[in-house]
Structures are given as structure tokens and as C-alpha cells.
Amino acid sequence: MASILSGNQYQQTNPQENNPIAGINNIINQILNSVNPQNTFQQILQQSSDAKNAMQLINQYGNGDPKQAFINYMNSTGKQNLGKEILQRFGIN
């Protein structure tokens, strides 16, 4: 898989690459395994409009807390039960 930081196009040749959770884990590993995780995170936000939009939603709905943002967003759309089910399914309490 191409690195999000390399600028290479993402090519889906492996069915596992279609898994958004695997993609998120890869980005997390890039950040955590980098020499400067904060700088790497900022580069990702600058280079990816999806990441930038996600961070804006996290700040808007959760004041920087992704879990709280998810809960608040699901509550605002009237889908709090679905939100709780998703959190439980992923083992997030």
C-alpha cells in the first residue's frame, strides 16, 4: 500500500485494502512509528482533505475527543442506539 505521506496514488489491489479499519490502522502506525509523530499527524491533516474534515468534525462535536464526537454526532442525528451498538461492537466503552 502506498504511504499517505508519499503522494503516491492509493491502488486497491488487495481486498484487505478495501477495509477502512485497516486503512485507519495503517495511518495510526505511520504516525506512531515516525520520528516526530506530531509533525507526521500535521502533515497528514495538510495533505488529506478527508483527514482534515474528520478532525474538524472531531473538534466540532467532541472538542478534540473522537469518541465523544462520535457519540454527540450520533445523538444529533437521532441515531444514538446505533452509535451505542457500533461502540459495543468495537469494544469501546
C-alpha atoms as a PDB file:
ATOM      1  CA  MET A   1       0.000   0.000   0.000  1.00  0.00           C
ATOM      2  CA  ALA A   2       1.237   3.473  -0.791  1.00  0.00           C
ATOM      3  CA  SER A   3       2.004   5.754   2.096  1.00  0.00           C
ATOM      4  CA  ILE A   4      -0.351   8.675   2.593  1.00  0.00           C
ATOM      5  CA  LEU A   5       2.751  10.788   3.030  1.00  0.00           C
ATOM      6  CA  SER A   6       4.434   9.700  -0.192  1.00  0.00           C
ATOM      7  CA  GLY A   7       1.906  11.297  -2.517  1.00  0.00           C
ATOM      8  CA  ASN A   8       1.520   8.044  -4.442  1.00  0.00           C
ATOM      9  CA  GLN A   9      -1.941   7.098  -5.613  1.00  0.00           C
ATOM     10  CA  TYR A  10      -3.692   4.541  -3.465  1.00  0.00           C
ATOM     11  CA  GLN A  11      -4.251   1.414  -5.548  1.00  0.00           C
ATOM     12  CA  GLN A  12      -6.660  -1.221  -4.361  1.00  0.00           C
ATOM     13  CA  THR A  13      -5.094  -4.499  -5.407  1.00  0.00           C
ATOM     14  CA  ASN A  14      -5.649  -6.370  -2.166  1.00  0.00           C
ATOM     15  CA  PRO A  15      -9.167  -6.950  -0.786  1.00  0.00           C
ATOM     16  CA  GLN A  16      -7.835  -6.123   2.691  1.00  0.00           C
ATOM     17  CA  GLU A  17      -7.089  -2.600   1.406  1.00  0.00           C
ATOM     18  CA  ASN A  18     -10.838  -2.057   0.945  1.00  0.00           C
ATOM     19  CA  ASN A  19     -11.210  -2.303   4.716  1.00  0.00           C
ATOM     20  CA  PRO A  20     -11.433   1.224   6.188  1.00  0.00           C
ATOM     21  CA  ILE A  21     -10.352  -0.056   9.610  1.00  0.00           C
ATOM     22  CA  ALA A  22      -7.152  -1.449   8.096  1.00  0.00           C
ATOM     23  CA  GLY A  23      -6.543   1.910   6.424  1.00  0.00           C
ATOM     24  CA  ILE A  24      -7.008   3.747   9.708  1.00  0.00           C
ATOM     25  CA  ASN A  25      -4.667   1.323  11.463  1.00  0.00           C
ATOM     26  CA  ASN A  26      -2.031   1.912   8.779  1.00  0.00           C
ATOM     27  CA  ILE A  27      -2.248   5.679   9.264  1.00  0.00           C
ATOM     28  CA  ILE A  28      -2.037   5.278  13.042  1.00  0.00           C
ATOM     29  CA  ASN A  29       1.048   3.087  12.639  1.00  0.00           C
ATOM     30  CA  GLN A  30       2.646   5.667  10.323  1.00  0.00           C
ATOM     31  CA  ILE A  31       2.131   8.326  12.969  1.00  0.00           C
ATOM     32  CA  LEU A  32       3.250   6.251  15.949  1.00  0.00           C
ATOM     33  CA  ASN A  33       6.300   4.801  14.187  1.00  0.00           C
ATOM     34  CA  SER A  34       7.549   8.128  12.857  1.00  0.00           C
ATOM     35  CA  VAL A  35      10.439  10.075  14.341  1.00  0.00           C
ATOM     36  CA  ASN A  36       8.134  13.036  15.054  1.00  0.00           C
ATOM     37  CA  PRO A  37       4.519  11.822  15.483  1.00  0.00           C
ATOM     38  CA  GLN A  38       3.067  15.333  15.944  1.00  0.00           C
ATOM     39  CA  ASN A  39       4.684  16.549  12.722  1.00  0.00           C
ATOM     40  CA  THR A  40       3.549  13.439  10.840  1.00  0.00           C
ATOM     41  CA  PHE A  41      -0.014  13.952  12.076  1.00  0.00           C
ATOM     42  CA  GLN A  42       0.049  17.584  10.932  1.00  0.00           C
ATOM     43  CA  GLN A  43       1.371  16.519   7.509  1.00  0.00           C
ATOM     44  CA  ILE A  44      -1.482  14.058   7.135  1.00  0.00           C
ATOM     45  CA  LEU A  45      -4.005  16.772   8.015  1.00  0.00           C
ATOM     46  CA  GLN A  46      -2.438  19.108   5.446  1.00  0.00           C
ATOM     47  CA  GLN A  47      -2.276  16.509   2.670  1.00  0.00           C
ATOM     48  CA  SER A  48      -5.632  14.793   3.109  1.00  0.00           C
ATOM     49  CA  SER A  49      -8.906  16.665   2.865  1.00  0.00           C
ATOM     50  CA  ASP A  50     -10.669  13.633   4.387  1.00  0.00           C
ATOM     51  CA  ALA A  51      -8.396  13.723   7.437  1.00  0.00           C
ATOM     52  CA  LYS A  52      -8.838  17.485   7.743  1.00  0.00           C
ATOM     53  CA  ASN A  53     -12.633  17.137   7.558  1.00  0.00           C
ATOM     54  CA  ALA A  54     -12.589  14.333  10.133  1.00  0.00           C
ATOM     55  CA  MET A  55     -10.531  16.459  12.511  1.00  0.00           C
ATOM     56  CA  GLN A  56     -12.927  19.385  12.060  1.00  0.00           C
ATOM     57  CA  LEU A  57     -15.865  17.126  12.969  1.00  0.00           C
ATOM     58  CA  ILE A  58     -13.976  15.776  15.974  1.00  0.00           C
ATOM     59  CA  ASN A  59     -13.315  19.314  17.157  1.00  0.00           C
ATOM     60  CA  GLN A  60     -16.882  20.441  16.430  1.00  0.00           C
ATOM     61  CA  TYR A  61     -18.725  17.548  18.050  1.00  0.00           C
ATOM     62  CA  GLY A  62     -16.237  16.333  20.650  1.00  0.00           C
ATOM     63  CA  ASN A  63     -13.892  19.206  21.487  1.00  0.00           C
ATOM     64  CA  GLY A  64     -10.985  17.082  20.219  1.00  0.00           C
ATOM     65  CA  ASP A  65     -12.200  13.770  21.683  1.00  0.00           C
ATOM     66  CA  PRO A  66     -13.010  11.330  18.827  1.00  0.00           C
ATOM     67  CA  LYS A  67     -15.205   9.044  20.943  1.00  0.00           C
ATOM     68  CA  GLN A  68     -17.227  11.923  22.345  1.00  0.00           C
ATOM     69  CA  ALA A  69     -17.507  13.416  18.846  1.00  0.00           C
ATOM     70  CA  PHE A  70     -18.954  10.150  17.562  1.00  0.00           C
ATOM     71  CA  ILE A  71     -21.438   9.928  20.444  1.00  0.00           C
ATOM     72  CA  ASN A  72     -22.519  13.559  20.064  1.00  0.00           C
ATOM     73  CA  TYR A  73     -22.839  13.246  16.296  1.00  0.00           C
ATOM     74  CA  MET A  74     -24.950  10.099  16.545  1.00  0.00           C
ATOM     75  CA  ASN A  75     -27.132  11.768  19.188  1.00  0.00           C
ATOM     76  CA  SER A  76     -27.590  14.857  16.983  1.00  0.00           C
ATOM     77  CA  THR A  77     -28.823  12.682  14.116  1.00  0.00           C
ATOM     78  CA  GLY A  78     -31.194  10.688  16.330  1.00  0.00           C
ATOM     79  CA  LYS A  79     -29.135   7.519  15.941  1.00  0.00           C
ATOM     80  CA  GLN A  80     -27.853   7.157  19.497  1.00  0.00           C
ATOM     81  CA  ASN A  81     -28.856   3.478  19.699  1.00  0.00           C
ATOM     82  CA  LEU A  82     -26.919   2.697  16.534  1.00  0.00           C
ATOM     83  CA  GLY A  83     -23.966   4.645  17.908  1.00  0.00           C
ATOM     84  CA  LYS A  84     -24.008   2.625  21.134  1.00  0.00           C
ATOM     85  CA  GLU A  85     -24.216  -0.610  19.159  1.00  0.00           C
ATOM     86  CA  ILE A  86     -21.236   0.361  16.997  1.00  0.00           C
ATOM     87  CA  LEU A  87     -19.148   1.291  20.038  1.00  0.00           C
ATOM     88  CA  GLN A  88     -20.012  -2.005  21.727  1.00  0.00           C
ATOM     89  CA  ARG A  89     -19.232  -3.973  18.576  1.00  0.00           C
ATOM     90  CA  PHE A  90     -15.726  -2.478  18.507  1.00  0.00           C
ATOM     91  CA  GLY A  91     -15.283  -2.943  22.246  1.00  0.00           C
ATOM     92  CA  ILE A  92     -15.266   0.767  23.017  1.00  0.00           C
ATOM     93  CA  ASN A  93     -16.834   1.626  26.361  1.00  0.00           C
END
